[in-house]
Amino acid sequence: MKLAIKWIILVTTSLIFLYAFSASYRSQNIDHLDYAIAIAVDSIPESDNLEISFEFTNSSTYSVDSSSKDSDPIINTVIAPSISSAINIFNAYVGKQLNLTHCKVIVFSEEFAKKGVLSEVTYLMNSTQIRPTANIIIAKESAKDYLENSISSLEQVLTKYYEIFPYSSEYTGYTSNILLGEFYESLINENSGSVTILGKISNVSKQNEQSESGQSSSSGGSSSQETGANSSEQNTTQQGNTSSQDSNQATTDNTSLDTISSGKSVVVGDRGTENIGLCVFKEDKYVGDLSAMETLCYSLLEDEVDNFLVTLNSPFDENKKIDVSVDSLSASFADVDISKENPIIHIKINLRAKTLTGQDSLDYSNTDILTKLNGSLKDYLSSQITDYLYKTSKEYKTDINEFFRIARRKFKTIPDFENYNWAQKYENAEFHVEINSDIISSLLIQNS
């Protein structure tokens, strides 16, 4: 009897081990998977097909013997009518199964986004692998080029950069952490507008590419005709470089947050891409952009920013600027009055600020001076937020801050709200913005 029990235990244990280790030969084994960290979708002119690119990290860069020099990302591109078709073709090409559980960002080109993204976003939302926390980015140029340039010596691990850069919105307000799940929810809501992160190849990266192109075109060619052609190409390239430099100079001459956005910033560095500003969607189509200042206004109304900095024109000297650090933000309050033909939206924001720089001749402990500074800050922010709200409502005709959720509470039934036709009414909405601020002096007193 004991011998029979031993045999039963032995056979059972053997079967368990055989079943467990047999999984190593399945397609879902880690050795049989390719983990994509980003997806890029580009349209193809005069074609129904799409150009789908998948980005991977080079595992050799993590080995002990590998060079410390940054390696270019691994990007494979498939021409297919949809993302799902591209995945199937790619699986056959590499002999492994593509896995998207580690995908951090989904990038659409501007050209593709203008045609509508609902079909692709719906597929991604229905995928059991794509996480709803992946970020959505609209690239002003090619989405594939955006991935190729999203590298920098400041980040040794590209996935880490993709994961953390959206959170800069908490201390700058110049971008926003736009997630796939939230984007899809607003995309299918007829009363709401949608936003995504704005991405663009930096001016410095473009100039480097043109410089390399110029060097390549000017090398080689011994005949007079070749020399003449190369000279012509070189002159063209130099003109292009001059044009880019002039454009960059024009940007550096104006550092206002009203004009700064991705590709228009004044930062010079080795990063090939920038993520400043937001893209606005009406229904599922891309309709326009928000600058750094407009994005800050959006973030303030969404209670996404913890602290930020603004530069004010000094109320005491028109040739001076004063930096003000704003923090201690309480949740913004909004109310919607639907008693008239068009909605009237009241917004109230409470904040506290302190001066960081100023004029040496001013005593920042003086109550009258701080009161005047306080008035300047309130006027500046209320003006900027009001302009932002009228731009999104009248120019873009979309409620990206979702005031409809507040208005909906004013109606007794859902049909009553639907009959109100919020999407159309919002285009003629009236806005009243109130800023309650309290400026305190800087911790260090400047001596004249």
Foldseek 3Di string as FASTA:
>chain_A
DVVVVVVVVVVVVVVVVVVVVVCCPDLPHPVQEFEFAEWEWEPDPPDLKIKIKTWHADPVCPDPPDDLDADFIDMDIDIGNAPVVRQVVVCVVVVGHYAHLNHAEYEYEQVVQQVFDLVRLVVLVPDPRRDQQHAYEYEPHGRVVLSRQQDAPVDNDSSVCSNPVQLVCQEALQWHRHTSNVQNVQLQDLAFKHKHWYKYFALQLVLVVLVVVLVVLCPDDDDPVSNVVSVVVNVVSVVVNVVSVVLLVVLVVDQDQQPAAKRSHNDDGRRGMDTGWMFIGNNRHTDGIGGSLLSSLLCLQVVSYAKHKDWFQQPVDNVDIWIKIKHPWDHKDKAWDPPDLAIEIEIEIEIEIETDDDDQPDWQQDPVSQVVVVVRVFVVSQVSNQVSLLCCCAVVLGHNSPCLVNVVVVDPDPVVSVVSVNSVRSSVYHYHYGYHYGYHYDPDRRHD
